[in-house]
Amino acid sequence: MRIGAHVRSDSDPLGSADECGADALQFFLSDPQGWKKPPAHPMAEQLRDSDKTVFVHSPYVINLASTNNRIRIPSRKLVQQHAEGAAAVGAAGLVVHGGHVTAGEDPEVGVDNWRKFFARQHEEGGFAVPILIENTAGGDNAMARRFDALARLWDAVGEFDAGFCLDTCHAFAGGENLVDVVDRAKAITGRIDLVHLNNSRDEFNSARDRHANIDSGTIDPDQLVAVCAAAGAPVVVETPAEGQASDIAFLRERLG
């Protein structure tokens, strides 16, 4: 099992991964709060040639479900640009949050917006790398917080080979029990391509996305280990940087 960490994008990502003992890594290609096209990564060749498994996380501003053209249309363009950038660094996938519609809007419109995006791209030959839709922690109108909503989303995009990224903090904060979360996620999506293994600073169903290191949050560390073991997918910790090496060492020891 490949175990790694989300590392800084404005430094040497491979060096940062080595420092915390990671054999997988994830990073942003550009400002996670910005709309600019990602620049070519200066270490693209080294990343492609590395024996580490690479993932790219898309900017947080992306919302493919939005009914607002000024958000949805730039979001589509940015996903395509980041998928191309992810392919250039040899990434195994691009992580994209499920997004949301606003209060009073029909969530089915958001689901349909996802489907239209995938269908259009499928007709044009697909994405440069797999798109891994990530479950999110909060919002009553989110596309991928509650698993009943996730099921509706997958009914719309599953046929286009959409991938899935399971975030443990998001699931816990979103009100999904971790005891059987892998089985329930696979029953919906048929797959788990990546696990974001994060503890939570807040209580169950808090709707708050605040990550903690494995040994310092409100989720039992044994439960986090069990999720990793059941998922059988690469694992990336998005925990506070000062504890990432310990998090990785703990998981590697417990998972063999």
C-alpha atoms as a PDB file:
ATOM      1  CA  MET A   1       0.000   0.000   0.000  1.00  0.00           C
ATOM      2  CA  ARG A   2       1.347   3.406  -1.007  1.00  0.00           C
ATOM      3  CA  ILE A   3       1.234   5.863   1.913  1.00  0.00           C
ATOM      4  CA  GLY A   4       2.060   9.530   1.496  1.00  0.00           C
ATOM      5  CA  ALA A   5       1.234  13.126   2.287  1.00  0.00           C
ATOM      6  CA  HIS A   6      -0.047  16.363   0.844  1.00  0.00           C
ATOM      7  CA  VAL A   7       3.070  18.517   0.473  1.00  0.00           C
ATOM      8  CA  ARG A   8       3.791  22.133  -0.324  1.00  0.00           C
ATOM      9  CA  SER A   9       3.627  22.990  -4.006  1.00  0.00           C
ATOM     10  CA  ASP A  10       5.975  25.975  -3.837  1.00  0.00           C
ATOM     11  CA  SER A  11       8.959  23.835  -2.837  1.00  0.00           C
ATOM     12  CA  ASP A  12      10.513  20.553  -3.939  1.00  0.00           C
ATOM     13  CA  PRO A  13       7.576  18.118  -3.625  1.00  0.00           C
ATOM     14  CA  LEU A  14       9.756  15.032  -3.971  1.00  0.00           C
ATOM     15  CA  GLY A  15      12.147  16.306  -1.311  1.00  0.00           C
ATOM     16  CA  SER A  16       9.235  17.095   0.997  1.00  0.00           C
ATOM     17  CA  ALA A  17       7.873  13.593   0.468  1.00  0.00           C
ATOM     18  CA  ASP A  18      11.259  12.087   1.297  1.00  0.00           C
ATOM     19  CA  GLU A  19      11.482  14.136   4.499  1.00  0.00           C
ATOM     20  CA  CYS A  20       8.291  12.593   5.884  1.00  0.00           C
ATOM     21  CA  GLY A  21       8.914   9.080   4.600  1.00  0.00           C
ATOM     22  CA  ALA A  22       6.196   9.186   1.943  1.00  0.00           C
ATOM     23  CA  ASP A  23       6.048   6.959  -1.117  1.00  0.00           C
ATOM     24  CA  ALA A  24       3.019   8.865  -2.427  1.00  0.00           C
ATOM     25  CA  LEU A  25       2.423  12.592  -2.577  1.00  0.00           C
ATOM     26  CA  GLN A  26      -0.229  15.133  -3.441  1.00  0.00           C
ATOM     27  CA  PHE A  27       0.103  18.833  -4.112  1.00  0.00           C
ATOM     28  CA  PHE A  28      -1.522  21.830  -5.789  1.00  0.00           C
ATOM     29  CA  LEU A  29      -0.310  23.032  -9.157  1.00  0.00           C
ATOM     30  CA  SER A  30      -1.368  26.621  -8.430  1.00  0.00           C
ATOM     31  CA  ASP A  31      -3.020  28.833  -5.814  1.00  0.00           C
ATOM     32  CA  PRO A  32      -5.822  26.691  -4.321  1.00  0.00           C
ATOM     33  CA  GLN A  33      -7.951  29.825  -3.963  1.00  0.00           C
ATOM     34  CA  GLY A  34      -7.275  31.148  -7.453  1.00  0.00           C
ATOM     35  CA  TRP A  35      -8.646  30.787 -10.969  1.00  0.00           C
ATOM     36  CA  LYS A  36      -5.429  31.038 -12.984  1.00  0.00           C
ATOM     37  CA  LYS A  37      -4.233  28.321 -15.331  1.00  0.00           C
ATOM     38  CA  PRO A  38      -1.509  26.311 -13.592  1.00  0.00           C
ATOM     39  CA  PRO A  39       2.012  27.012 -14.831  1.00  0.00           C
ATOM     40  CA  ALA A  40       4.280  24.220 -16.011  1.00  0.00           C
ATOM     41  CA  HIS A  41       5.807  22.546 -12.960  1.00  0.00           C
ATOM     42  CA  PRO A  42       9.599  23.005 -12.813  1.00  0.00           C
ATOM     43  CA  MET A  43      10.058  19.405 -11.633  1.00  0.00           C
ATOM     44  CA  ALA A  44       7.646  17.770 -14.062  1.00  0.00           C
ATOM     45  CA  GLU A  45      10.236  15.412 -15.527  1.00  0.00           C
ATOM     46  CA  GLN A  46      11.556  14.339 -12.130  1.00  0.00           C
ATOM     47  CA  LEU A  47       8.004  13.740 -10.891  1.00  0.00           C
ATOM     48  CA  ARG A  48       7.140  11.654 -13.945  1.00  0.00           C
ATOM     49  CA  ASP A  49      10.299   9.589 -13.515  1.00  0.00           C
ATOM     50  CA  SER A  50       9.931   9.171  -9.759  1.00  0.00           C
ATOM     51  CA  ASP A  51       8.937   5.859  -8.193  1.00  0.00           C
ATOM     52  CA  LYS A  52       6.467   7.735  -5.974  1.00  0.00           C
ATOM     53  CA  THR A  53       2.740   7.796  -6.715  1.00  0.00           C
ATOM     54  CA  VAL A  54       1.637  11.346  -7.509  1.00  0.00           C
ATOM     55  CA  PHE A  55      -1.783  12.964  -7.130  1.00  0.00           C
ATOM     56  CA  VAL A  56      -2.812  16.550  -7.828  1.00  0.00           C
ATOM     57  CA  HIS A  57      -5.517  18.384  -5.891  1.00  0.00           C
ATOM     58  CA  SER A  58      -7.562  20.913  -7.835  1.00  0.00           C
ATOM     59  CA  PRO A  59      -8.269  24.423  -6.460  1.00  0.00           C
ATOM     60  CA  TYR A  60     -10.955  24.794  -3.818  1.00  0.00           C
ATOM     61  CA  VAL A  61     -12.766  27.468  -5.834  1.00  0.00           C
ATOM     62  CA  ILE A  62     -13.968  24.909  -8.381  1.00  0.00           C
ATOM     63  CA  ASN A  63     -17.696  24.156  -8.188  1.00  0.00           C
ATOM     64  CA  LEU A  64     -18.903  22.113 -11.144  1.00  0.00           C
ATOM     65  CA  ALA A  65     -22.390  21.809  -9.643  1.00  0.00           C
ATOM     66  CA  SER A  66     -23.006  25.556  -9.463  1.00  0.00           C
ATOM     67  CA  THR A  67     -26.004  27.064 -11.243  1.00  0.00           C
ATOM     68  CA  ASN A  68     -24.030  30.307 -11.596  1.00  0.00           C
ATOM     69  CA  ASN A  69     -22.460  30.458 -15.067  1.00  0.00           C
ATOM     70  CA  ARG A  70     -19.686  32.706 -13.758  1.00  0.00           C
ATOM     71  CA  ILE A  71     -18.597  29.901 -11.433  1.00  0.00           C
ATOM     72  CA  ARG A  72     -19.526  26.723 -13.305  1.00  0.00           C
ATOM     73  CA  ILE A  73     -18.037  27.593 -16.707  1.00  0.00           C
ATOM     74  CA  PRO A  74     -14.635  28.729 -15.336  1.00  0.00           C
ATOM     75  CA  SER A  75     -14.695  25.638 -13.092  1.00  0.00           C
ATOM     76  CA  ARG A  76     -14.979  23.376 -16.124  1.00  0.00           C
ATOM     77  CA  LYS A  77     -12.085  25.112 -17.824  1.00  0.00           C
ATOM     78  CA  LEU A  78      -9.944  24.943 -14.703  1.00  0.00           C
ATOM     79  CA  VAL A  79     -10.548  21.222 -14.231  1.00  0.00           C
ATOM     80  CA  GLN A  80      -9.463  20.571 -17.808  1.00  0.00           C
ATOM     81  CA  GLN A  81      -6.355  22.715 -17.357  1.00  0.00           C
ATOM     82  CA  HIS A  82      -5.422  21.033 -14.088  1.00  0.00           C
ATOM     83  CA  ALA A  83      -6.004  17.592 -15.566  1.00  0.00           C
ATOM     84  CA  GLU A  84      -3.530  18.456 -18.311  1.00  0.00           C
ATOM     85  CA  GLY A  85      -1.094  19.797 -15.724  1.00  0.00           C
ATOM     86  CA  ALA A  86      -1.542  16.652 -13.647  1.00  0.00           C
ATOM     87  CA  ALA A  87      -0.760  14.479 -16.664  1.00  0.00           C
ATOM     88  CA  ALA A  88       2.422  16.476 -17.240  1.00  0.00           C
ATOM     89  CA  VAL A  89       3.732  15.530 -13.777  1.00  0.00           C
ATOM     90  CA  GLY A  90       2.709  11.876 -14.148  1.00  0.00           C
ATOM     91  CA  ALA A  91      -0.192  12.062 -11.685  1.00  0.00           C
ATOM     92  CA  ALA A  92      -2.466   9.083 -11.122  1.00  0.00           C
ATOM     93  CA  GLY A  93      -5.465  11.367 -10.757  1.00  0.00           C
ATOM     94  CA  LEU A  94      -6.868  14.844 -10.128  1.00  0.00           C
ATOM     95  CA  VAL A  95      -8.918  15.290  -6.941  1.00  0.00           C
ATOM     96  CA  VAL A  96     -11.988  17.530  -7.324  1.00  0.00           C
ATOM     97  CA  HIS A  97     -14.492  18.362  -4.569  1.00  0.00           C
ATOM     98  CA  GLY A  98     -18.121  17.481  -5.197  1.00  0.00           C
ATOM     99  CA  GLY A  99     -19.321  21.066  -4.979  1.00  0.00           C
ATOM    100  CA  HIS A 100     -22.793  22.339  -4.118  1.00  0.00           C
ATOM    101  CA  VAL A 101     -25.772  24.406  -5.101  1.00  0.00           C
ATOM    102  CA  THR A 102     -27.007  27.270  -2.949  1.00  0.00           C
ATOM    103  CA  ALA A 103     -29.917  27.291  -0.505  1.00  0.00           C
ATOM    104  CA  GLY A 104     -33.269  27.077  -2.251  1.00  0.00           C
ATOM    105  CA  GLU A 105     -31.849  25.557  -5.430  1.00  0.00           C
ATOM    106  CA  ASP A 106     -32.613  22.028  -6.597  1.00  0.00           C
ATOM    107  CA  PRO A 107     -29.624  19.701  -5.979  1.00  0.00           C
ATOM    108  CA  GLU A 108     -30.670  17.699  -9.055  1.00  0.00           C
ATOM    109  CA  VAL A 109     -29.599  20.672 -11.165  1.00  0.00           C
ATOM    110  CA  GLY A 110     -26.127  20.388  -9.647  1.00  0.00           C
ATOM    111  CA  VAL A 111     -26.059  16.667 -10.411  1.00  0.00           C
ATOM    112  CA  ASP A 112     -27.086  17.371 -14.000  1.00  0.00           C
ATOM    113  CA  ASN A 113     -24.324  19.965 -14.322  1.00  0.00           C
ATOM    114  CA  TRP A 114     -21.778  17.303 -13.319  1.00  0.00           C
ATOM    115  CA  ARG A 115     -23.234  14.883 -15.867  1.00  0.00           C
ATOM    116  CA  LYS A 116     -23.154  17.428 -18.679  1.00  0.00           C
ATOM    117  CA  PHE A 117     -19.486  18.161 -17.950  1.00  0.00           C
ATOM    118  CA  PHE A 118     -18.462  14.501 -17.946  1.00  0.00           C
ATOM    119  CA  ALA A 119     -20.608  13.664 -20.984  1.00  0.00           C
ATOM    120  CA  ARG A 120     -19.202  16.546 -23.029  1.00  0.00           C
ATOM    121  CA  GLN A 121     -15.635  15.653 -22.109  1.00  0.00           C
ATOM    122  CA  HIS A 122     -16.294  11.980 -22.872  1.00  0.00           C
ATOM    123  CA  GLU A 123     -17.385  12.933 -26.380  1.00  0.00           C
ATOM    124  CA  GLU A 124     -14.131  14.867 -26.785  1.00  0.00           C
ATOM    125  CA  GLY A 125     -11.922  11.953 -25.760  1.00  0.00           C
ATOM    126  CA  GLY A 126     -11.994  12.122 -21.976  1.00  0.00           C
ATOM    127  CA  PHE A 127      -9.760  13.788 -19.414  1.00  0.00           C
ATOM    128  CA  ALA A 128      -5.963  13.796 -19.422  1.00  0.00           C
ATOM    129  CA  VAL A 129      -6.004  11.935 -16.058  1.00  0.00           C
ATOM    130  CA  PRO A 130      -8.770  10.303 -14.027  1.00  0.00           C
ATOM    131  CA  ILE A 131     -11.007  12.753 -12.151  1.00  0.00           C
ATOM    132  CA  LEU A 132     -11.381  11.662  -8.523  1.00  0.00           C
ATOM    133  CA  ILE A 133     -14.494  13.158  -6.951  1.00  0.00           C
ATOM    134  CA  GLU A 134     -13.993  13.766  -3.223  1.00  0.00           C
ATOM    135  CA  ASN A 135     -16.692  13.613  -0.563  1.00  0.00           C
ATOM    136  CA  THR A 136     -17.057  16.830   1.416  1.00  0.00           C
ATOM    137  CA  ALA A 137     -17.799  17.705   5.028  1.00  0.00           C
ATOM    138  CA  GLY A 138     -20.531  20.329   5.089  1.00  0.00           C
ATOM    139  CA  GLY A 139     -23.494  21.886   3.349  1.00  0.00           C
ATOM    140  CA  ASP A 140     -27.071  20.673   3.096  1.00  0.00           C
ATOM    141  CA  ASN A 141     -26.961  21.231  -0.661  1.00  0.00           C
ATOM    142  CA  ALA A 142     -23.628  19.490  -1.271  1.00  0.00           C
ATOM    143  CA  MET A 143     -23.282  16.925  -4.036  1.00  0.00           C
ATOM    144  CA  ALA A 144     -21.056  14.576  -2.037  1.00  0.00           C
ATOM    145  CA  ARG A 145     -21.551  15.092   1.702  1.00  0.00           C
ATOM    146  CA  ARG A 146     -24.276  12.571   2.541  1.00  0.00           C
ATOM    147  CA  PHE A 147     -23.951   9.248   0.803  1.00  0.00           C
ATOM    148  CA  ASP A 148     -27.530   9.367  -0.471  1.00  0.00           C
ATOM    149  CA  ALA A 149     -26.504  12.488  -2.400  1.00  0.00           C
ATOM    150  CA  LEU A 150     -23.303  10.758  -3.520  1.00  0.00           C
ATOM    151  CA  ALA A 151     -25.419   7.923  -4.917  1.00  0.00           C
ATOM    152  CA  ARG A 152     -27.471  10.359  -6.994  1.00  0.00           C
ATOM    153  CA  LEU A 153     -24.275  11.934  -8.300  1.00  0.00           C
ATOM    154  CA  TRP A 154     -22.823   8.543  -9.210  1.00  0.00           C
ATOM    155  CA  ASP A 155     -25.971   7.548 -11.038  1.00  0.00           C
ATOM    156  CA  ALA A 156     -25.236  10.538 -13.256  1.00  0.00           C
ATOM    157  CA  VAL A 157     -21.457  10.261 -13.779  1.00  0.00           C
ATOM    158  CA  GLY A 158     -20.481   6.679 -12.974  1.00  0.00           C
ATOM    159  CA  GLU A 159     -20.773   5.532 -16.581  1.00  0.00           C
ATOM    160  CA  PHE A 160     -18.013   7.986 -17.545  1.00  0.00           C
ATOM    161  CA  ASP A 161     -15.417   6.207 -15.348  1.00  0.00           C
ATOM    162  CA  ALA A 162     -15.423   8.833 -12.607  1.00  0.00           C
ATOM    163  CA  GLY A 163     -13.009   8.016  -9.774  1.00  0.00           C
ATOM    164  CA  PHE A 164     -13.609   8.439  -6.059  1.00  0.00           C
ATOM    165  CA  CYS A 165     -11.488   9.886  -3.249  1.00  0.00           C
ATOM    166  CA  LEU A 166     -12.692   9.035   0.270  1.00  0.00           C
ATOM    167  CA  ASP A 167     -11.783  11.602   2.930  1.00  0.00           C
ATOM    168  CA  THR A 168     -12.189  10.248   6.461  1.00  0.00           C
ATOM    169  CA  CYS A 169     -12.442  13.628   8.192  1.00  0.00           C
ATOM    170  CA  HIS A 170     -15.032  14.781   5.667  1.00  0.00           C
ATOM    171  CA  ALA A 171     -17.086  11.614   6.058  1.00  0.00           C
ATOM    172  CA  PHE A 172     -16.990  11.785   9.874  1.00  0.00           C
ATOM    173  CA  ALA A 173     -17.779  15.519   9.974  1.00  0.00           C
ATOM    174  CA  GLY A 174     -20.438  15.007   7.322  1.00  0.00           C
ATOM    175  CA  GLY A 175     -22.299  12.508   9.479  1.00  0.00           C
ATOM    176  CA  GLU A 176     -21.233   9.240   7.843  1.00  0.00           C
ATOM    177  CA  ASN A 177     -20.226   6.429  10.214  1.00  0.00           C
ATOM    178  CA  LEU A 178     -16.698   5.209   9.484  1.00  0.00           C
ATOM    179  CA  VAL A 179     -17.337   1.660  10.704  1.00  0.00           C
ATOM    180  CA  ASP A 180     -18.747   0.553   7.340  1.00  0.00           C
ATOM    181  CA  VAL A 181     -17.914   3.603   5.242  1.00  0.00           C
ATOM    182  CA  VAL A 182     -15.709   1.719   2.779  1.00  0.00           C
ATOM    183  CA  ASP A 183     -18.343  -0.907   2.025  1.00  0.00           C
ATOM    184  CA  ARG A 184     -21.023   1.737   1.596  1.00  0.00           C
ATOM    185  CA  ALA A 185     -18.818   3.923  -0.613  1.00  0.00           C
ATOM    186  CA  LYS A 186     -17.885   0.978  -2.831  1.00  0.00           C
ATOM    187  CA  ALA A 187     -21.514  -0.074  -3.072  1.00  0.00           C
ATOM    188  CA  ILE A 188     -22.234   3.352  -4.571  1.00  0.00           C
ATOM    189  CA  THR A 189     -19.125   4.067  -6.645  1.00  0.00           C
ATOM    190  CA  GLY A 190     -17.732   0.593  -7.234  1.00  0.00           C
ATOM    191  CA  ARG A 191     -14.270   1.891  -6.374  1.00  0.00           C
ATOM    192  CA  ILE A 192     -12.025   3.882  -4.088  1.00  0.00           C
ATOM    193  CA  ASP A 193      -9.028   5.298  -5.934  1.00  0.00           C
ATOM    194  CA  LEU A 194      -7.503   7.293  -3.075  1.00  0.00           C
ATOM    195  CA  VAL A 195      -7.999   7.730   0.662  1.00  0.00           C
ATOM    196  CA  HIS A 196      -7.428  11.101   2.317  1.00  0.00           C
ATOM    197  CA  LEU A 197      -6.624   9.801   5.784  1.00  0.00           C
ATOM    198  CA  ASN A 198      -7.328  12.636   8.207  1.00  0.00           C
ATOM    199  CA  ASN A 199      -8.471  12.767  11.793  1.00  0.00           C
ATOM    200  CA  SER A 200     -10.989  15.457  12.766  1.00  0.00           C
ATOM    201  CA  ARG A 201     -10.633  18.288  15.249  1.00  0.00           C
ATOM    202  CA  ASP A 202     -14.411  18.371  15.637  1.00  0.00           C
ATOM    203  CA  GLU A 203     -17.159  16.009  16.651  1.00  0.00           C
ATOM    204  CA  PHE A 204     -19.176  13.624  14.488  1.00  0.00           C
ATOM    205  CA  ASN A 205     -21.623  15.357  12.096  1.00  0.00           C
ATOM    206  CA  SER A 206     -20.144  18.784  12.905  1.00  0.00           C
ATOM    207  CA  ALA A 207     -20.013  19.744   9.188  1.00  0.00           C
ATOM    208  CA  ARG A 208     -16.619  21.318   9.966  1.00  0.00           C
ATOM    209  CA  ASP A 209     -13.622  20.458   7.793  1.00  0.00           C
ATOM    210  CA  ARG A 210     -10.721  20.762  10.229  1.00  0.00           C
ATOM    211  CA  HIS A 211      -8.058  18.087   9.940  1.00  0.00           C
ATOM    212  CA  ALA A 212      -6.000  16.705  12.810  1.00  0.00           C
ATOM    213  CA  ASN A 213      -3.057  14.329  13.020  1.00  0.00           C
ATOM    214  CA  ILE A 214      -3.961  10.694  13.522  1.00  0.00           C
ATOM    215  CA  ASP A 215      -3.282  10.601  17.249  1.00  0.00           C
ATOM    216  CA  SER A 216      -4.818  13.968  18.172  1.00  0.00           C
ATOM    217  CA  GLY A 217      -8.365  14.088  16.821  1.00  0.00           C
ATOM    218  CA  THR A 218     -11.834  12.875  17.720  1.00  0.00           C
ATOM    219  CA  ILE A 219     -11.700   9.760  15.507  1.00  0.00           C
ATOM    220  CA  ASP A 220     -10.291   6.572  17.045  1.00  0.00           C
ATOM    221  CA  PRO A 221      -6.939   5.899  15.283  1.00  0.00           C
ATOM    222  CA  ASP A 222      -7.823   2.208  15.089  1.00  0.00           C
ATOM    223  CA  GLN A 223     -10.863   3.153  13.025  1.00  0.00           C
ATOM    224  CA  LEU A 224      -8.690   5.128  10.626  1.00  0.00           C
ATOM    225  CA  VAL A 225      -6.381   2.144  10.207  1.00  0.00           C
ATOM    226  CA  ALA A 226      -9.390  -0.064   9.525  1.00  0.00           C
ATOM    227  CA  VAL A 227     -10.610   2.287   6.783  1.00  0.00           C
ATOM    228  CA  CYS A 228      -7.222   2.151   5.067  1.00  0.00           C
ATOM    229  CA  ALA A 229      -7.056  -1.624   5.292  1.00  0.00           C
ATOM    230  CA  ALA A 230     -10.559  -2.059   3.882  1.00  0.00           C
ATOM    231  CA  ALA A 231     -10.130   0.484   1.073  1.00  0.00           C
ATOM    232  CA  GLY A 232      -6.990  -1.108  -0.366  1.00  0.00           C
ATOM    233  CA  ALA A 233      -6.114   2.145  -2.129  1.00  0.00           C
ATOM    234  CA  PRO A 234      -3.221   4.612  -1.949  1.00  0.00           C
ATOM    235  CA  VAL A 235      -3.371   6.767   1.188  1.00  0.00           C
ATOM    236  CA  VAL A 236      -2.478  10.448   1.513  1.00  0.00           C
ATOM    237  CA  VAL A 237      -2.522  12.248   4.857  1.00  0.00           C
ATOM    238  CA  GLU A 238      -3.569  15.893   4.687  1.00  0.00           C
ATOM    239  CA  THR A 239      -2.734  16.410   8.335  1.00  0.00           C
ATOM    240  CA  PRO A 240      -0.694  19.227   9.956  1.00  0.00           C
ATOM    241  CA  ALA A 241       2.789  19.094   8.457  1.00  0.00           C
ATOM    242  CA  GLU A 242       4.698  18.787  11.722  1.00  0.00           C
ATOM    243  CA  GLY A 243       3.041  15.431  12.412  1.00  0.00           C
ATOM    244  CA  GLN A 244       2.938  13.913   8.941  1.00  0.00           C
ATOM    245  CA  ALA A 245       6.066  11.791   9.343  1.00  0.00           C
ATOM    246  CA  SER A 246       4.636  10.269  12.524  1.00  0.00           C
ATOM    247  CA  ASP A 247       1.272   9.715  10.835  1.00  0.00           C
ATOM    248  CA  ILE A 248       2.891   7.876   7.934  1.00  0.00           C
ATOM    249  CA  ALA A 249       5.116   5.790  10.211  1.00  0.00           C
ATOM    250  CA  PHE A 250       2.094   4.843  12.344  1.00  0.00           C
ATOM    251  CA  LEU A 251       0.065   3.735   9.333  1.00  0.00           C
ATOM    252  CA  ARG A 252       2.941   1.820   7.798  1.00  0.00           C
ATOM    253  CA  GLU A 253       3.553  -0.046  11.043  1.00  0.00           C
ATOM    254  CA  ARG A 254      -0.101  -0.896  11.574  1.00  0.00           C
ATOM    255  CA  LEU A 255      -0.833  -1.811   7.967  1.00  0.00           C
ATOM    256  CA  GLY A 256       2.329  -3.809   7.386  1.00  0.00           C
END
